[in-house]
PDB file of all heavy atoms in Angstrom:
ATOM      1  N   GLY A   1     -11.977   4.973 -23.247  1.00  0.00           N
ATOM      2  CA  GLY A   1     -12.512   3.641 -23.067  1.00  0.00           C
ATOM      3  C   GLY A   1     -12.976   3.391 -21.647  1.00  0.00           C
ATOM      4  O   GLY A   1     -12.216   3.580 -20.689  1.00  0.00           O
ATOM      5  N   GLY A   2     -14.204   2.962 -21.492  1.00  0.00           N
ATOM      6  CA  GLY A   2     -14.791   2.687 -20.189  1.00  0.00           C
ATOM      7  C   GLY A   2     -15.738   3.766 -19.709  1.00  0.00           C
ATOM      8  O   GLY A   2     -16.556   3.518 -18.824  1.00  0.00           O
ATOM      9  N   ASP A   3     -15.639   4.970 -20.285  1.00  0.00           N
ATOM     10  CA  ASP A   3     -16.560   6.030 -19.862  1.00  0.00           C
ATOM     11  C   ASP A   3     -18.002   5.644 -20.143  1.00  0.00           C
ATOM     12  O   ASP A   3     -18.912   6.009 -19.391  1.00  0.00           O
ATOM     13  CB  ASP A   3     -16.223   7.343 -20.577  1.00  0.00           C
ATOM     14  CG  ASP A   3     -15.116   8.113 -19.878  1.00  0.00           C
ATOM     15  OD1 ASP A   3     -14.644   7.667 -18.809  1.00  0.00           O
ATOM     16  OD2 ASP A   3     -14.704   9.171 -20.410  1.00  0.00           O
ATOM     17  N   GLU A   4     -18.219   4.909 -21.229  1.00  0.00           N
ATOM     18  CA  GLU A   4     -19.573   4.495 -21.571  1.00  0.00           C
ATOM     19  C   GLU A   4     -20.113   3.449 -20.598  1.00  0.00           C
ATOM     20  O   GLU A   4     -21.322   3.200 -20.556  1.00  0.00           O
ATOM     21  CB  GLU A   4     -19.596   3.944 -23.000  1.00  0.00           C
ATOM     22  CG  GLU A   4     -19.044   2.534 -23.185  1.00  0.00           C
ATOM     23  CD  GLU A   4     -17.523   2.420 -23.153  1.00  0.00           C
ATOM     24  OE1 GLU A   4     -16.836   3.422 -22.847  1.00  0.00           O
ATOM     25  OE2 GLU A   4     -17.004   1.328 -23.449  1.00  0.00           O
ATOM     26  N   LEU A   5     -19.220   2.860 -19.807  1.00  0.00           N
ATOM     27  CA  LEU A   5     -19.607   1.827 -18.849  1.00  0.00           C
ATOM     28  C   LEU A   5     -19.742   2.370 -17.438  1.00  0.00           C
ATOM     29  O   LEU A   5     -20.165   1.653 -16.525  1.00  0.00           O
ATOM     30  CB  LEU A   5     -18.560   0.704 -18.833  1.00  0.00           C
ATOM     31  CG  LEU A   5     -18.210   0.065 -20.174  1.00  0.00           C
ATOM     32  CD1 LEU A   5     -17.041  -0.897 -20.001  1.00  0.00           C
ATOM     33  CD2 LEU A   5     -19.407  -0.645 -20.759  1.00  0.00           C
ATOM     34  N   GLY A   6     -19.341   3.639 -17.229  1.00  0.00           N
ATOM     35  CA  GLY A   6     -19.295   4.190 -15.886  1.00  0.00           C
ATOM     36  C   GLY A   6     -18.056   3.759 -15.123  1.00  0.00           C
ATOM     37  O   GLY A   6     -18.052   3.698 -13.890  1.00  0.00           O
ATOM     38  N   ARG A   7     -16.961   3.481 -15.837  1.00  0.00           N
ATOM     39  CA  ARG A   7     -15.737   2.975 -15.204  1.00  0.00           C
ATOM     40  C   ARG A   7     -15.150   4.012 -14.239  1.00  0.00           C
ATOM     41  O   ARG A   7     -15.018   5.175 -14.563  1.00  0.00           O
ATOM     42  CB  ARG A   7     -14.691   2.632 -16.265  1.00  0.00           C
ATOM     43  CG  ARG A   7     -13.424   1.984 -15.705  1.00  0.00           C
ATOM     44  CD  ARG A   7     -12.481   1.575 -16.816  1.00  0.00           C
ATOM     45  NE  ARG A   7     -11.798   2.711 -17.418  1.00  0.00           N
ATOM     46  CZ  ARG A   7     -10.632   3.208 -16.987  1.00  0.00           C
ATOM     47  NH1 ARG A   7     -10.046   2.681 -15.927  1.00  0.00           N
ATOM     48  NH2 ARG A   7     -10.072   4.220 -17.606  1.00  0.00           N
ATOM     49  N   THR A   8     -14.773   3.550 -13.046  1.00  0.00           N
ATOM     50  CA  THR A   8     -14.169   4.419 -12.045  1.00  0.00           C
ATOM     51  C   THR A   8     -12.758   3.955 -11.722  1.00  0.00           C
ATOM     52  O   THR A   8     -12.441   2.763 -11.817  1.00  0.00           O
ATOM     53  CB  THR A   8     -15.004   4.441 -10.755  1.00  0.00           C
ATOM     54  OG1 THR A   8     -14.333   5.251  -9.779  1.00  0.00           O
ATOM     55  CG2 THR A   8     -15.203   3.036 -10.188  1.00  0.00           C
ATOM     56  N   GLN A   9     -11.910   4.912 -11.368  1.00  0.00           N
ATOM     57  CA  GLN A   9     -10.582   4.610 -10.825  1.00  0.00           C
ATOM     58  C   GLN A   9     -10.494   5.054  -9.360  1.00  0.00           C
ATOM     59  O   GLN A   9      -9.407   5.281  -8.844  1.00  0.00           O
ATOM     60  CB  GLN A   9      -9.492   5.297 -11.664  1.00  0.00           C
ATOM     61  CG  GLN A   9      -9.394   4.733 -13.068  1.00  0.00           C
ATOM     62  CD  GLN A   9      -8.377   5.415 -13.958  1.00  0.00           C
ATOM     63  OE1 GLN A   9      -8.074   4.921 -15.042  1.00  0.00           O
ATOM     64  NE2 GLN A   9      -7.837   6.553 -13.544  1.00  0.00           N
ATOM     65  N   GLY A  10     -11.649   5.186  -8.732  1.00  0.00           N
ATOM     66  CA  GLY A  10     -11.679   5.564  -7.332  1.00  0.00           C
ATOM     67  C   GLY A  10     -11.124   6.953  -7.077  1.00  0.00           C
ATOM     68  O   GLY A  10     -10.636   7.236  -5.982  1.00  0.00           O
ATOM     69  N   GLY A  11     -11.217   7.815  -8.072  1.00  0.00           N
ATOM     70  CA  GLY A  11     -10.727   9.176  -7.914  1.00  0.00           C
ATOM     71  C   GLY A  11      -9.263   9.358  -8.247  1.00  0.00           C
ATOM     72  O   GLY A  11      -8.731  10.465  -8.112  1.00  0.00           O
ATOM     73  N   ASN A  12      -8.585   8.312  -8.687  1.00  0.00           N
ATOM     74  CA  ASN A  12      -7.180   8.444  -9.104  1.00  0.00           C
ATOM     75  C   ASN A  12      -7.158   9.076 -10.492  1.00  0.00           C
ATOM     76  O   ASN A  12      -7.692   8.506 -11.439  1.00  0.00           O
ATOM     77  CB  ASN A  12      -6.503   7.074  -9.122  1.00  0.00           C
ATOM     78  CG  ASN A  12      -4.996   7.170  -9.279  1.00  0.00           C
ATOM     79  OD1 ASN A  12      -4.486   7.974 -10.052  1.00  0.00           O
ATOM     80  ND2 ASN A  12      -4.271   6.335  -8.548  1.00  0.00           N
ATOM     81  N   ASN A  13      -6.548  10.239 -10.611  1.00  0.00           N
ATOM     82  CA  ASN A  13      -6.512  10.911 -11.912  1.00  0.00           C
ATOM     83  C   ASN A  13      -5.139  10.862 -12.562  1.00  0.00           C
ATOM     84  O   ASN A  13      -4.852  11.607 -13.488  1.00  0.00           O
ATOM     85  CB  ASN A  13      -7.004  12.364 -11.793  1.00  0.00           C
ATOM     86  CG  ASN A  13      -5.971  13.301 -11.181  1.00  0.00           C
ATOM     87  OD1 ASN A  13      -4.988  12.861 -10.575  1.00  0.00           O
ATOM     88  ND2 ASN A  13      -6.204  14.594 -11.324  1.00  0.00           N
ATOM     89  N   ASN A  14      -4.296   9.941 -12.082  1.00  0.00           N
ATOM     90  CA  ASN A  14      -2.965   9.764 -12.667  1.00  0.00           C
ATOM     91  C   ASN A  14      -2.538   8.314 -12.493  1.00  0.00           C
ATOM     92  O   ASN A  14      -1.505   8.011 -11.888  1.00  0.00           O
ATOM     93  CB  ASN A  14      -1.956  10.708 -11.996  1.00  0.00           C
ATOM     94  CG  ASN A  14      -0.614  10.722 -12.705  1.00  0.00           C
ATOM     95  OD1 ASN A  14      -0.548  10.615 -13.924  1.00  0.00           O
ATOM     96  ND2 ASN A  14       0.466  10.861 -11.943  1.00  0.00           N
ATOM     97  N   ALA A  15      -3.329   7.410 -13.050  1.00  0.00           N
ATOM     98  CA  ALA A  15      -3.151   5.976 -12.793  1.00  0.00           C
ATOM     99  C   ALA A  15      -2.096   5.343 -13.699  1.00  0.00           C
ATOM    100  O   ALA A  15      -2.180   4.165 -14.027  1.00  0.00           O
ATOM    101  CB  ALA A  15      -4.492   5.256 -12.962  1.00  0.00           C
ATOM    102  N   TYR A  16      -1.078   6.109 -14.053  1.00  0.00           N
ATOM    103  CA  TYR A  16      -0.040   5.632 -14.975  1.00  0.00           C
ATOM    104  C   TYR A  16       0.717   4.430 -14.426  1.00  0.00           C
ATOM    105  O   TYR A  16       1.268   3.628 -15.187  1.00  0.00           O
ATOM    106  CB  TYR A  16       0.962   6.763 -15.255  1.00  0.00           C
ATOM    107  CG  TYR A  16       1.934   7.022 -14.132  1.00  0.00           C
ATOM    108  CD1 TYR A  16       3.242   6.547 -14.202  1.00  0.00           C
ATOM    109  CD2 TYR A  16       1.557   7.717 -12.990  1.00  0.00           C
ATOM    110  CE1 TYR A  16       4.139   6.769 -13.168  1.00  0.00           C
ATOM    111  CE2 TYR A  16       2.434   7.947 -11.965  1.00  0.00           C
ATOM    112  CZ  TYR A  16       3.727   7.471 -12.050  1.00  0.00           C
ATOM    113  OH  TYR A  16       4.607   7.686 -11.023  1.00  0.00           O
ATOM    114  N   CYS A  17       0.733   4.273 -13.102  1.00  0.00           N
ATOM    115  CA  CYS A  17       1.524   3.208 -12.491  1.00  0.00           C
ATOM    116  C   CYS A  17       0.650   2.135 -11.848  1.00  0.00           C
ATOM    117  O   CYS A  17       1.153   1.295 -11.091  1.00  0.00           O
ATOM    118  CB  CYS A  17       2.465   3.801 -11.441  1.00  0.00           C
ATOM    119  SG  CYS A  17       1.628   4.748 -10.136  1.00  0.00           S
ATOM    120  N   GLN A  18      -0.638   2.138 -12.167  1.00  0.00           N
ATOM    121  CA  GLN A  18      -1.572   1.217 -11.522  1.00  0.00           C
ATOM    122  C   GLN A  18      -1.991   0.099 -12.478  1.00  0.00           C
ATOM    123  O   GLN A  18      -3.025   0.151 -13.119  1.00  0.00           O
ATOM    124  CB  GLN A  18      -2.792   1.985 -11.009  1.00  0.00           C
ATOM    125  CG  GLN A  18      -2.468   3.039  -9.965  1.00  0.00           C
ATOM    126  CD  GLN A  18      -1.854   2.440  -8.709  1.00  0.00           C
ATOM    127  OE1 GLN A  18      -2.139   1.293  -8.355  1.00  0.00           O
ATOM    128  NE2 GLN A  18      -0.999   3.207  -8.050  1.00  0.00           N
ATOM    129  N   ASP A  19      -1.143  -0.911 -12.567  1.00  0.00           N
ATOM    130  CA  ASP A  19      -1.445  -2.090 -13.389  1.00  0.00           C
ATOM    131  C   ASP A  19      -2.203  -3.081 -12.516  1.00  0.00           C
ATOM    132  O   ASP A  19      -1.697  -4.148 -12.158  1.00  0.00           O
ATOM    133  CB  ASP A  19      -0.138  -2.686 -13.927  1.00  0.00           C
ATOM    134  CG  ASP A  19      -0.382  -3.789 -14.941  1.00  0.00           C
ATOM    135  OD1 ASP A  19      -1.564  -4.096 -15.225  1.00  0.00           O
ATOM    136  OD2 ASP A  19       0.602  -4.355 -15.454  1.00  0.00           O
ATOM    137  N   ASN A  20      -3.433  -2.729 -12.201  1.00  0.00           N
ATOM    138  CA  ASN A  20      -4.232  -3.513 -11.257  1.00  0.00           C
ATOM    139  C   ASN A  20      -5.693  -3.105 -11.415  1.00  0.00           C
ATOM    140  O   ASN A  20      -6.053  -2.435 -12.385  1.00  0.00           O
ATOM    141  CB  ASN A  20      -3.739  -3.291  -9.818  1.00  0.00           C
ATOM    142  CG  ASN A  20      -3.630  -1.809  -9.484  1.00  0.00           C
ATOM    143  OD1 ASN A  20      -4.557  -1.038  -9.752  1.00  0.00           O
ATOM    144  ND2 ASN A  20      -2.504  -1.394  -8.920  1.00  0.00           N
ATOM    145  N   LYS A  21      -6.519  -3.473 -10.463  1.00  0.00           N
ATOM    146  CA  LYS A  21      -7.957  -3.241 -10.592  1.00  0.00           C
ATOM    147  C   LYS A  21      -8.335  -1.759 -10.579  1.00  0.00           C
ATOM    148  O   LYS A  21      -9.455  -1.417 -10.955  1.00  0.00           O
ATOM    149  CB  LYS A  21      -8.709  -3.996  -9.498  1.00  0.00           C
ATOM    150  CG  LYS A  21      -8.673  -5.514  -9.687  1.00  0.00           C
ATOM    151  CD  LYS A  21      -9.484  -6.229  -8.623  1.00  0.00           C
ATOM    152  CE  LYS A  21      -9.470  -7.741  -8.848  1.00  0.00           C
ATOM    153  NZ  LYS A  21     -10.265  -8.462  -7.827  1.00  0.00           N
ATOM    154  N   ILE A  22      -7.435  -0.893 -10.142  1.00  0.00           N
ATOM    155  CA  ILE A  22      -7.717   0.538 -10.237  1.00  0.00           C
ATOM    156  C   ILE A  22      -7.927   0.926 -11.696  1.00  0.00           C
ATOM    157  O   ILE A  22      -8.813   1.724 -12.022  1.00  0.00           O
ATOM    158  CB  ILE A  22      -6.572   1.369  -9.615  1.00  0.00           C
ATOM    159  CG1 ILE A  22      -6.569   1.186  -8.093  1.00  0.00           C
ATOM    160  CG2 ILE A  22      -6.698   2.854  -9.983  1.00  0.00           C
ATOM    161  CD1 ILE A  22      -5.421   1.889  -7.396  1.00  0.00           C
ATOM    162  N   SER A  23      -7.116   0.350 -12.590  1.00  0.00           N
ATOM    163  CA  SER A  23      -7.139   0.728 -14.001  1.00  0.00           C
ATOM    164  C   SER A  23      -7.919  -0.235 -14.883  1.00  0.00           C
ATOM    165  O   SER A  23      -8.449   0.166 -15.923  1.00  0.00           O
ATOM    166  CB  SER A  23      -5.699   0.819 -14.529  1.00  0.00           C
ATOM    167  OG  SER A  23      -4.970   1.821 -13.868  1.00  0.00           O
ATOM    168  N   TRP A  24      -7.946  -1.515 -14.520  1.00  0.00           N
ATOM    169  CA  TRP A  24      -8.593  -2.496 -15.381  1.00  0.00           C
ATOM    170  C   TRP A  24     -10.107  -2.283 -15.425  1.00  0.00           C
ATOM    171  O   TRP A  24     -10.722  -1.855 -14.449  1.00  0.00           O
ATOM    172  CB  TRP A  24      -8.311  -3.910 -14.879  1.00  0.00           C
ATOM    173  CG  TRP A  24      -6.846  -4.254 -14.795  1.00  0.00           C
ATOM    174  CD1 TRP A  24      -5.815  -3.658 -15.447  1.00  0.00           C
ATOM    175  CD2 TRP A  24      -6.275  -5.288 -13.978  1.00  0.00           C
ATOM    176  NE1 TRP A  24      -4.625  -4.246 -15.103  1.00  0.00           N
ATOM    177  CE2 TRP A  24      -4.875  -5.255 -14.207  1.00  0.00           C
ATOM    178  CE3 TRP A  24      -6.789  -6.230 -13.106  1.00  0.00           C
ATOM    179  CZ2 TRP A  24      -3.998  -6.141 -13.571  1.00  0.00           C
ATOM    180  CZ3 TRP A  24      -5.925  -7.111 -12.472  1.00  0.00           C
ATOM    181  CH2 TRP A  24      -4.543  -7.066 -12.706  1.00  0.00           C
ATOM    182  N   PHE A  25     -10.714  -2.605 -16.556  1.00  0.00           N
ATOM    183  CA  PHE A  25     -12.168  -2.507 -16.715  1.00  0.00           C
ATOM    184  C   PHE A  25     -12.860  -3.522 -15.801  1.00  0.00           C
ATOM    185  O   PHE A  25     -12.526  -4.704 -15.816  1.00  0.00           O
ATOM    186  CB  PHE A  25     -12.572  -2.808 -18.158  1.00  0.00           C
ATOM    187  CG  PHE A  25     -12.329  -1.694 -19.135  1.00  0.00           C
ATOM    188  CD1 PHE A  25     -11.145  -0.969 -19.124  1.00  0.00           C
ATOM    189  CD2 PHE A  25     -13.282  -1.372 -20.086  1.00  0.00           C
ATOM    190  CE1 PHE A  25     -10.914   0.046 -20.027  1.00  0.00           C
ATOM    191  CE2 PHE A  25     -13.063  -0.349 -21.002  1.00  0.00           C
ATOM    192  CZ  PHE A  25     -11.879   0.366 -20.971  1.00  0.00           C
ATOM    193  N   ASP A  26     -13.832  -3.040 -15.051  1.00  0.00           N
ATOM    194  CA  ASP A  26     -14.631  -3.918 -14.192  1.00  0.00           C
ATOM    195  C   ASP A  26     -15.924  -4.242 -14.938  1.00  0.00           C
ATOM    196  O   ASP A  26     -16.888  -3.473 -14.922  1.00  0.00           O
ATOM    197  CB  ASP A  26     -14.921  -3.221 -12.861  1.00  0.00           C
ATOM    198  CG  ASP A  26     -15.697  -4.114 -11.899  1.00  0.00           C
ATOM    199  OD1 ASP A  26     -16.078  -5.236 -12.295  1.00  0.00           O
ATOM    200  OD2 ASP A  26     -15.939  -3.678 -10.760  1.00  0.00           O
ATOM    201  N   TRP A  27     -15.938  -5.391 -15.588  1.00  0.00           N
ATOM    202  CA  TRP A  27     -17.093  -5.779 -16.406  1.00  0.00           C
ATOM    203  C   TRP A  27     -18.272  -6.252 -15.565  1.00  0.00           C
ATOM    204  O   TRP A  27     -19.359  -6.504 -16.114  1.00  0.00           O
ATOM    205  CB  TRP A  27     -16.677  -6.853 -17.400  1.00  0.00           C
ATOM    206  CG  TRP A  27     -15.706  -6.326 -18.419  1.00  0.00           C
ATOM    207  CD1 TRP A  27     -14.350  -6.437 -18.395  1.00  0.00           C
ATOM    208  CD2 TRP A  27     -16.029  -5.579 -19.590  1.00  0.00           C
ATOM    209  NE1 TRP A  27     -13.798  -5.799 -19.489  1.00  0.00           N
ATOM    210  CE2 TRP A  27     -14.802  -5.270 -20.240  1.00  0.00           C
ATOM    211  CE3 TRP A  27     -17.229  -5.140 -20.165  1.00  0.00           C
ATOM    212  CZ2 TRP A  27     -14.749  -4.543 -21.427  1.00  0.00           C
ATOM    213  CZ3 TRP A  27     -17.188  -4.420 -21.344  1.00  0.00           C
ATOM    214  CH2 TRP A  27     -15.958  -4.131 -21.969  1.00  0.00           C
ATOM    215  N   GLU A  28     -18.077  -6.367 -14.257  1.00  0.00           N
ATOM    216  CA  GLU A  28     -19.177  -6.746 -13.374  1.00  0.00           C
ATOM    217  C   GLU A  28     -19.914  -5.518 -12.839  1.00  0.00           C
ATOM    218  O   GLU A  28     -20.898  -5.654 -12.113  1.00  0.00           O
ATOM    219  CB  GLU A  28     -18.639  -7.581 -12.202  1.00  0.00           C
ATOM    220  CG  GLU A  28     -17.921  -8.860 -12.623  1.00  0.00           C
ATOM    221  CD  GLU A  28     -18.827  -9.805 -13.404  1.00  0.00           C
ATOM    222  OE1 GLU A  28     -20.021  -9.883 -13.060  1.00  0.00           O
ATOM    223  OE2 GLU A  28     -18.335 -10.449 -14.346  1.00  0.00           O
ATOM    224  N   ALA A  29     -19.428  -4.330 -13.132  1.00  0.00           N
ATOM    225  CA  ALA A  29     -20.030  -3.105 -12.597  1.00  0.00           C
ATOM    226  C   ALA A  29     -20.317  -2.122 -13.723  1.00  0.00           C
ATOM    227  O   ALA A  29     -19.884  -0.975 -13.699  1.00  0.00           O
ATOM    228  CB  ALA A  29     -19.101  -2.475 -11.563  1.00  0.00           C
ATOM    229  N   VAL A  30     -21.041  -2.581 -14.715  1.00  0.00           N
ATOM    230  CA  VAL A  30     -21.337  -1.770 -15.896  1.00  0.00           C
ATOM    231  C   VAL A  30     -22.620  -0.972 -15.671  1.00  0.00           C
ATOM    232  O   VAL A  30     -23.629  -1.514 -15.216  1.00  0.00           O
ATOM    233  CB  VAL A  30     -21.482  -2.668 -17.148  1.00  0.00           C
ATOM    234  CG1 VAL A  30     -22.020  -1.874 -18.329  1.00  0.00           C
ATOM    235  CG2 VAL A  30     -20.141  -3.298 -17.483  1.00  0.00           C
TER     236      VAL A  30
END
């Protein structure tokens, strides 16, 4: 989910503990 939008986690490849904007979908940057 989000790959179709170009969603980024800023290079974090283990965001299991990031309940914040690192993980949330940014609908303003589609």
